[in-house]
């Protein structure tokens, strides 16, 4: 990418709304974050827009679940 392309991309990104940013990766990524459910550690899986999808007891299970649905898991701390 040359500097013109970068400037053009930056100008485009500045025009996007928060909703536009939330839609990025909606069909491609899911976020996994640690949570506590009934005083036990668990992992919550969320769509790119923040919509909760599921809660599972182990991180590995959360990542496997995301990958089984043809998405890329991302960890949120």
Protein backbone atom coordinates (compact mmCIF):
# COMPACT_ATOMS: atom_id res chain seq x y z
CA UNK A 1 0.00 0.00 0.00
CA UNK A 2 1.39 3.41 -0.88
CA UNK A 3 0.81 6.56 1.15
CA UNK A 4 -2.04 7.66 -1.15
CA UNK A 5 -3.89 4.40 -0.53
CA UNK A 6 -3.36 4.72 3.22
CA UNK A 7 -4.64 8.32 3.21
CA UNK A 8 -7.66 7.29 1.15
CA UNK A 9 -8.42 4.38 3.50
CA UNK A 10 -8.00 6.61 6.56
CA UNK A 11 -10.41 9.18 5.12
CA UNK A 12 -12.97 6.44 4.48
CA UNK A 13 -12.62 5.02 7.99
CA UNK A 14 -13.16 8.45 9.56
CA UNK A 15 -16.62 8.57 7.94
CA UNK A 16 -17.82 5.30 9.46
CA UNK A 17 -20.33 5.34 12.30
CA UNK A 18 -19.96 3.25 15.47
CA UNK A 19 -22.59 0.90 14.01
CA UNK A 20 -20.49 0.49 10.85
CA UNK A 21 -17.48 -0.45 12.97
CA UNK A 22 -19.58 -2.94 14.95
CA UNK A 23 -20.60 -4.62 11.70
CA UNK A 24 -16.98 -5.28 10.71
CA UNK A 25 -16.32 -8.96 10.97
CA UNK A 26 -19.87 -9.75 11.96
CA UNK A 27 -19.81 -12.97 9.97
CA UNK A 28 -16.12 -13.69 10.47
CA UNK A 29 -15.14 -13.21 14.10
CA UNK A 30 -16.51 -13.98 17.53
CA UNK A 31 -15.17 -12.68 20.81
CA UNK A 32 -14.46 -14.93 23.78
CA UNK A 33 -14.21 -13.46 27.26
CA UNK A 34 -13.96 -14.90 30.73
CA UNK A 35 -17.06 -14.57 32.90
CA UNK A 36 -18.40 -15.98 36.15
CA UNK A 37 -21.63 -17.96 36.15
CA UNK A 38 -23.07 -19.22 39.44
CA UNK A 39 -19.72 -18.50 41.14
CA UNK A 40 -17.88 -20.70 38.61
CA UNK A 41 -15.50 -19.54 35.88
CA UNK A 42 -16.87 -19.77 32.33
CA UNK A 43 -16.35 -18.22 28.90
CA UNK A 44 -18.87 -16.11 27.04
CA UNK A 45 -18.91 -16.01 23.22
CA UNK A 46 -20.13 -12.82 21.53
CA UNK A 47 -20.74 -11.83 17.91
CA UNK A 48 -18.66 -8.96 16.51
CA UNK A 49 -21.49 -6.54 17.35
CA UNK A 50 -21.49 -7.66 20.99
CA UNK A 51 -24.53 -9.91 20.81
CA UNK A 52 -24.11 -12.76 23.34
CA UNK A 53 -24.14 -16.15 21.62
CA UNK A 54 -23.36 -18.74 24.28
CA UNK A 55 -21.54 -19.46 27.53
CA UNK A 56 -19.37 -22.55 27.94
CA UNK A 57 -17.32 -23.85 30.87
CA UNK A 58 -13.86 -23.88 29.21
CA UNK A 59 -11.88 -21.55 26.96
CA UNK A 60 -10.86 -24.36 24.61
CA UNK A 61 -14.50 -25.34 24.15
CA UNK A 62 -15.41 -21.72 23.39
CA UNK A 63 -12.69 -21.45 20.73
CA UNK A 64 -13.65 -24.83 19.22
CA UNK A 65 -17.31 -23.79 19.10
CA UNK A 66 -16.44 -20.59 17.26
CA UNK A 67 -14.22 -22.42 14.76
CA UNK A 68 -16.90 -25.07 14.15
CA UNK A 69 -19.10 -22.24 12.95
CA UNK A 70 -16.47 -21.08 10.43
CA UNK A 71 -15.51 -18.02 12.42
CA UNK A 72 -12.26 -16.83 13.95
CA UNK A 73 -12.22 -16.56 17.75
CA UNK A 74 -10.67 -13.50 19.39
CA UNK A 75 -9.90 -13.28 23.07
CA UNK A 76 -11.16 -10.32 25.09
CA UNK A 77 -9.63 -9.65 28.50
